[in-house]
Amino acid sequence: MNLEFATIRTRDLASALNFYQGALGLNIDRRFQAGPNEIVFLAAGGIQLELVAGPESGEKRAGDNLSLGFAVEDLDSTLAGLAEAGITPVSGPASPNPHVRFALIRDPDGVLIQLTEHLA
């Protein structure tokens, strides 16, 4: 079994796309209407991120028990680029061991995003 995709129901698809496509650099794989919902799949490494915008989007929240993790090449330069877009960490950078550094940010819908740099 493989994880194929993760879904985020967004209140504002344009803001979500600006964040995931613009700030994080994910590419749109496909975009379509499904009844009252607009759905966008973004390529995110080995899995896809599905953004769904529609009448019920944003009514339910996963809370802080869920986060999405993205590996980055250079955490400092990634955070600097995000800062230029007005996105600041809610936590970190932190290094819990000598092999990893990470920081936490939030997407426009409040989803917690962990950016992780794996060190040699």
C-alpha atoms as a PDB file:
ATOM      1  CA  MET A   1       0.000   0.000   0.000  1.00  0.00           C
ATOM      2  CA  ASN A   2       1.257   3.491  -0.894  1.00  0.00           C
ATOM      3  CA  LEU A   3       0.004   6.878   0.163  1.00  0.00           C
ATOM      4  CA  GLU A   4      -1.310   8.433  -3.055  1.00  0.00           C
ATOM      5  CA  PHE A   5      -2.552  11.884  -2.029  1.00  0.00           C
ATOM      6  CA  ALA A   6      -3.520  14.149   0.850  1.00  0.00           C
ATOM      7  CA  THR A   7      -6.593  16.386   0.635  1.00  0.00           C
ATOM      8  CA  ILE A   8      -7.089  19.885   1.977  1.00  0.00           C
ATOM      9  CA  ARG A   9     -10.518  21.475   1.748  1.00  0.00           C
ATOM     10  CA  THR A  10      -9.801  25.150   1.270  1.00  0.00           C
ATOM     11  CA  ARG A  11     -11.993  28.198   1.790  1.00  0.00           C
ATOM     12  CA  ASP A  12     -10.036  30.196  -0.816  1.00  0.00           C
ATOM     13  CA  LEU A  13      -8.537  28.256  -3.720  1.00  0.00           C
ATOM     14  CA  ALA A  14      -6.641  31.259  -5.089  1.00  0.00           C
ATOM     15  CA  SER A  15      -4.878  31.829  -1.748  1.00  0.00           C
ATOM     16  CA  ALA A  16      -4.147  28.111  -1.376  1.00  0.00           C
ATOM     17  CA  LEU A  17      -2.668  27.962  -4.881  1.00  0.00           C
ATOM     18  CA  ASN A  18      -0.635  31.105  -4.231  1.00  0.00           C
ATOM     19  CA  PHE A  19       0.794  29.373  -1.148  1.00  0.00           C
ATOM     20  CA  TYR A  20       1.405  25.853  -2.470  1.00  0.00           C
ATOM     21  CA  GLN A  21       2.237  26.716  -6.066  1.00  0.00           C
ATOM     22  CA  GLY A  22       3.738  30.179  -5.623  1.00  0.00           C
ATOM     23  CA  ALA A  23       5.487  30.056  -2.246  1.00  0.00           C
ATOM     24  CA  LEU A  24       6.299  26.324  -1.994  1.00  0.00           C
ATOM     25  CA  GLY A  25       6.871  25.724  -5.723  1.00  0.00           C
ATOM     26  CA  LEU A  26       4.510  22.775  -6.286  1.00  0.00           C
ATOM     27  CA  ASN A  27       3.268  22.276  -9.848  1.00  0.00           C
ATOM     28  CA  ILE A  28      -0.337  21.749 -10.893  1.00  0.00           C
ATOM     29  CA  ASP A  29      -0.825  18.231 -12.209  1.00  0.00           C
ATOM     30  CA  ARG A  30      -4.511  18.565 -13.057  1.00  0.00           C
ATOM     31  CA  ARG A  31      -7.455  20.869 -12.360  1.00  0.00           C
ATOM     32  CA  PHE A  32     -11.153  20.202 -12.877  1.00  0.00           C
ATOM     33  CA  GLN A  33     -14.727  20.749 -11.700  1.00  0.00           C
ATOM     34  CA  ALA A  34     -16.510  17.932  -9.853  1.00  0.00           C
ATOM     35  CA  GLY A  35     -20.088  19.019  -9.246  1.00  0.00           C
ATOM     36  CA  PRO A  36     -19.979  22.149  -7.078  1.00  0.00           C
ATOM     37  CA  ASN A  37     -16.297  21.611  -6.197  1.00  0.00           C
ATOM     38  CA  GLU A  38     -13.182  22.794  -7.970  1.00  0.00           C
ATOM     39  CA  ILE A  39     -10.327  20.337  -7.506  1.00  0.00           C
ATOM     40  CA  VAL A  40      -6.621  20.884  -8.094  1.00  0.00           C
ATOM     41  CA  PHE A  41      -3.974  18.176  -7.749  1.00  0.00           C
ATOM     42  CA  LEU A  42      -0.432  19.403  -7.135  1.00  0.00           C
ATOM     43  CA  ALA A  43       2.678  17.277  -7.634  1.00  0.00           C
ATOM     44  CA  ALA A  44       4.419  16.942  -4.272  1.00  0.00           C
ATOM     45  CA  GLY A  45       7.185  14.401  -4.735  1.00  0.00           C
ATOM     46  CA  GLY A  46       5.952  10.832  -4.476  1.00  0.00           C
ATOM     47  CA  ILE A  47       2.411  11.830  -3.496  1.00  0.00           C
ATOM     48  CA  GLN A  48      -0.024  14.491  -4.633  1.00  0.00           C
ATOM     49  CA  LEU A  49      -1.692  17.264  -2.711  1.00  0.00           C
ATOM     50  CA  GLU A  50      -5.377  17.657  -3.555  1.00  0.00           C
ATOM     51  CA  LEU A  51      -6.972  21.057  -2.959  1.00  0.00           C
ATOM     52  CA  VAL A  52     -10.779  21.068  -2.934  1.00  0.00           C
ATOM     53  CA  ALA A  53     -12.820  24.277  -2.962  1.00  0.00           C
ATOM     54  CA  GLY A  54     -16.592  24.159  -2.783  1.00  0.00           C
ATOM     55  CA  PRO A  55     -19.678  24.835  -0.678  1.00  0.00           C
ATOM     56  CA  GLU A  56     -18.499  22.706   2.263  1.00  0.00           C
ATOM     57  CA  SER A  57     -14.837  23.654   2.103  1.00  0.00           C
ATOM     58  CA  GLY A  58     -13.282  25.091   5.206  1.00  0.00           C
ATOM     59  CA  GLU A  59     -16.158  24.149   7.514  1.00  0.00           C
ATOM     60  CA  LYS A  60     -14.223  21.367   9.232  1.00  0.00           C
ATOM     61  CA  ARG A  61     -10.694  21.570  10.569  1.00  0.00           C
ATOM     62  CA  ALA A  62      -8.191  18.827  11.247  1.00  0.00           C
ATOM     63  CA  GLY A  63      -6.587  20.896  13.986  1.00  0.00           C
ATOM     64  CA  ASP A  64      -2.991  20.695  15.071  1.00  0.00           C
ATOM     65  CA  ASN A  65      -3.026  16.902  15.185  1.00  0.00           C
ATOM     66  CA  LEU A  66      -2.200  16.858  11.481  1.00  0.00           C
ATOM     67  CA  SER A  67       0.684  18.401   9.590  1.00  0.00           C
ATOM     68  CA  LEU A  68       2.175  18.021   6.136  1.00  0.00           C
ATOM     69  CA  GLY A  69       5.923  17.604   5.857  1.00  0.00           C
ATOM     70  CA  PHE A  70       7.999  18.864   2.946  1.00  0.00           C
ATOM     71  CA  ALA A  71      11.705  18.154   2.506  1.00  0.00           C
ATOM     72  CA  VAL A  72      13.719  21.217   1.446  1.00  0.00           C
ATOM     73  CA  GLU A  73      17.304  21.466   0.237  1.00  0.00           C
ATOM     74  CA  ASP A  74      18.213  24.512   2.323  1.00  0.00           C
ATOM     75  CA  LEU A  75      15.929  25.537   5.189  1.00  0.00           C
ATOM     76  CA  ASP A  76      17.439  29.009   5.625  1.00  0.00           C
ATOM     77  CA  SER A  77      17.042  29.985   1.964  1.00  0.00           C
ATOM     78  CA  THR A  78      13.527  28.489   1.886  1.00  0.00           C
ATOM     79  CA  LEU A  79      12.520  30.525   4.942  1.00  0.00           C
ATOM     80  CA  ALA A  80      14.081  33.657   3.437  1.00  0.00           C
ATOM     81  CA  GLY A  81      12.027  33.192   0.263  1.00  0.00           C
ATOM     82  CA  LEU A  82       8.881  32.619   2.287  1.00  0.00           C
ATOM     83  CA  ALA A  83       9.578  35.725   4.374  1.00  0.00           C
ATOM     84  CA  GLU A  84       9.637  37.763   1.146  1.00  0.00           C
ATOM     85  CA  ALA A  85       6.114  36.419   0.499  1.00  0.00           C
ATOM     86  CA  GLY A  86       5.044  37.434   4.015  1.00  0.00           C
ATOM     87  CA  ILE A  87       5.121  33.904   5.453  1.00  0.00           C
ATOM     88  CA  THR A  88       6.884  33.539   8.796  1.00  0.00           C
ATOM     89  CA  PRO A  89       7.519  30.424  10.893  1.00  0.00           C
ATOM     90  CA  VAL A  90       5.205  29.653  13.774  1.00  0.00           C
ATOM     91  CA  SER A  91       8.011  27.556  15.263  1.00  0.00           C
ATOM     92  CA  GLY A  92      11.691  27.012  14.606  1.00  0.00           C
ATOM     93  CA  PRO A  93      14.046  26.613  13.020  1.00  0.00           C
ATOM     94  CA  ALA A  94      14.938  23.815  15.385  1.00  0.00           C
ATOM     95  CA  SER A  95      17.419  20.958  15.256  1.00  0.00           C
ATOM     96  CA  PRO A  96      16.307  18.061  17.476  1.00  0.00           C
ATOM     97  CA  ASN A  97      19.344  16.028  16.402  1.00  0.00           C
ATOM     98  CA  PRO A  98      22.460  16.602  14.270  1.00  0.00           C
ATOM     99  CA  HIS A  99      20.810  15.117  11.165  1.00  0.00           C
ATOM    100  CA  VAL A 100      17.779  17.361  10.727  1.00  0.00           C
ATOM    101  CA  ARG A 101      16.567  20.975  10.961  1.00  0.00           C
ATOM    102  CA  PHE A 102      12.955  22.029  10.614  1.00  0.00           C
ATOM    103  CA  ALA A 103      10.542  24.931  10.913  1.00  0.00           C
ATOM    104  CA  LEU A 104       6.753  25.053  11.032  1.00  0.00           C
ATOM    105  CA  ILE A 105       4.544  27.393   9.014  1.00  0.00           C
ATOM    106  CA  ARG A 106       0.802  27.513   8.324  1.00  0.00           C
ATOM    107  CA  ASP A 107      -1.014  27.544   5.002  1.00  0.00           C
ATOM    108  CA  PRO A 108      -3.861  30.034   4.365  1.00  0.00           C
ATOM    109  CA  ASP A 109      -6.380  27.579   5.882  1.00  0.00           C
ATOM    110  CA  GLY A 110      -4.297  27.067   9.032  1.00  0.00           C
ATOM    111  CA  VAL A 111      -2.848  23.660   8.078  1.00  0.00           C
ATOM    112  CA  LEU A 112       0.479  23.118   9.827  1.00  0.00           C
ATOM    113  CA  ILE A 113       3.365  22.631   7.379  1.00  0.00           C
ATOM    114  CA  GLN A 114       6.738  21.259   8.465  1.00  0.00           C
ATOM    115  CA  LEU A 115       9.708  22.183   6.293  1.00  0.00           C
ATOM    116  CA  THR A 116      12.586  19.778   6.918  1.00  0.00           C
ATOM    117  CA  GLU A 117      16.218  19.955   5.873  1.00  0.00           C
ATOM    118  CA  HIS A 118      18.044  16.643   6.151  1.00  0.00           C
ATOM    119  CA  LEU A 119      21.680  17.233   7.078  1.00  0.00           C
ATOM    120  CA  ALA A 120      24.608  15.033   6.082  1.00  0.00           C
END
